């Protein structure tokens, strides 16, 4: 009786897992692109707050 090739099986599981994760990532990107900016509006305030903080840091340094 032939012995099982565990390395091959593990490699196949890992490839399947990576493929599934990639598919989920693509699905999330597609869902995000189809929404009407709901996620974009939520991401904007931290960026502006960070920009103000950086401007204050530059003003204090000058």
C-alpha atoms as a PDB file:
ATOM      1  CA  UNK A   1       0.000   0.000   0.000  1.00  0.00           C
ATOM      2  CA  UNK A   2       1.343   3.462  -0.895  1.00  0.00           C
ATOM      3  CA  UNK A   3       1.966   5.927   1.878  1.00  0.00           C
ATOM      4  CA  UNK A   4       0.187   9.290   1.811  1.00  0.00           C
ATOM      5  CA  UNK A   5       2.025  12.371   0.572  1.00  0.00           C
ATOM      6  CA  UNK A   6       1.244  14.818   3.358  1.00  0.00           C
ATOM      7  CA  UNK A   7       3.278  17.649   1.836  1.00  0.00           C
ATOM      8  CA  UNK A   8       1.218  17.539  -1.351  1.00  0.00           C
ATOM      9  CA  UNK A   9      -2.027  17.511   0.623  1.00  0.00           C
ATOM     10  CA  UNK A  10      -0.892  20.450   2.751  1.00  0.00           C
ATOM     11  CA  UNK A  11       0.156  22.387  -0.343  1.00  0.00           C
ATOM     12  CA  UNK A  12      -3.239  21.774  -1.928  1.00  0.00           C
ATOM     13  CA  UNK A  13      -5.023  22.948   1.240  1.00  0.00           C
ATOM     14  CA  UNK A  14      -2.862  26.081   1.380  1.00  0.00           C
ATOM     15  CA  UNK A  15      -3.519  26.876  -2.285  1.00  0.00           C
ATOM     16  CA  UNK A  16      -7.256  26.420  -1.790  1.00  0.00           C
ATOM     17  CA  UNK A  17      -7.165  28.649   1.291  1.00  0.00           C
ATOM     18  CA  UNK A  18      -5.267  31.406  -0.542  1.00  0.00           C
ATOM     19  CA  UNK A  19      -7.647  31.194  -3.483  1.00  0.00           C
ATOM     20  CA  UNK A  20     -10.646  31.483  -1.162  1.00  0.00           C
ATOM     21  CA  UNK A  21      -9.123  34.492   0.617  1.00  0.00           C
ATOM     22  CA  UNK A  22      -8.371  36.175  -2.713  1.00  0.00           C
ATOM     23  CA  UNK A  23     -11.953  35.589  -3.846  1.00  0.00           C
ATOM     24  CA  UNK A  24     -13.258  37.125  -0.608  1.00  0.00           C
ATOM     25  CA  UNK A  25     -10.969  40.126  -1.085  1.00  0.00           C
ATOM     26  CA  UNK A  26     -12.225  40.638  -4.647  1.00  0.00           C
ATOM     27  CA  UNK A  27     -15.823  40.287  -3.468  1.00  0.00           C
ATOM     28  CA  UNK A  28     -15.294  42.925  -0.770  1.00  0.00           C
ATOM     29  CA  UNK A  29     -13.706  45.301  -3.270  1.00  0.00           C
ATOM     30  CA  UNK A  30     -16.616  44.782  -5.659  1.00  0.00           C
ATOM     31  CA  UNK A  31     -19.130  45.427  -2.868  1.00  0.00           C
ATOM     32  CA  UNK A  32     -17.251  48.521  -1.761  1.00  0.00           C
ATOM     33  CA  UNK A  33     -17.190  49.869  -5.321  1.00  0.00           C
ATOM     34  CA  UNK A  34     -20.942  49.369  -5.739  1.00  0.00           C
ATOM     35  CA  UNK A  35     -21.909  51.167  -2.529  1.00  0.00           C
ATOM     36  CA  UNK A  36     -22.716  54.861  -2.810  1.00  0.00           C
ATOM     37  CA  UNK A  37     -19.753  56.219  -0.873  1.00  0.00           C
ATOM     38  CA  UNK A  38     -20.953  55.027   2.525  1.00  0.00           C
ATOM     39  CA  UNK A  39     -17.509  53.717   3.399  1.00  0.00           C
ATOM     40  CA  UNK A  40     -15.742  56.663   1.737  1.00  0.00           C
ATOM     41  CA  UNK A  41     -17.536  59.250   3.900  1.00  0.00           C
ATOM     42  CA  UNK A  42     -16.586  57.352   7.042  1.00  0.00           C
ATOM     43  CA  UNK A  43     -12.926  57.271   5.994  1.00  0.00           C
ATOM     44  CA  UNK A  44     -12.748  61.015   5.209  1.00  0.00           C
ATOM     45  CA  UNK A  45     -12.895  62.532   8.737  1.00  0.00           C
ATOM     46  CA  UNK A  46      -9.799  60.699  10.084  1.00  0.00           C
ATOM     47  CA  UNK A  47      -7.828  61.797   7.012  1.00  0.00           C
ATOM     48  CA  UNK A  48      -8.781  65.456   7.521  1.00  0.00           C
ATOM     49  CA  UNK A  49      -8.072  65.240  11.239  1.00  0.00           C
ATOM     50  CA  UNK A  50      -4.664  63.790  10.459  1.00  0.00           C
ATOM     51  CA  UNK A  51      -4.011  66.534   7.893  1.00  0.00           C
ATOM     52  CA  UNK A  52      -4.815  69.230  10.478  1.00  0.00           C
ATOM     53  CA  UNK A  53      -2.492  67.562  12.971  1.00  0.00           C
ATOM     54  CA  UNK A  54       0.299  67.468  10.408  1.00  0.00           C
ATOM     55  CA  UNK A  55      -0.277  71.146   9.513  1.00  0.00           C
ATOM     56  CA  UNK A  56      -0.083  72.096  13.192  1.00  0.00           C
ATOM     57  CA  UNK A  57       3.153  70.144  13.536  1.00  0.00           C
ATOM     58  CA  UNK A  58       4.663  71.991  10.563  1.00  0.00           C
ATOM     59  CA  UNK A  59       3.523  75.363  11.963  1.00  0.00           C
ATOM     60  CA  UNK A  60       4.991  74.607  15.393  1.00  0.00           C
ATOM     61  CA  UNK A  61       8.291  73.530  13.843  1.00  0.00           C
ATOM     62  CA  UNK A  62       8.585  76.755  11.799  1.00  0.00           C
END
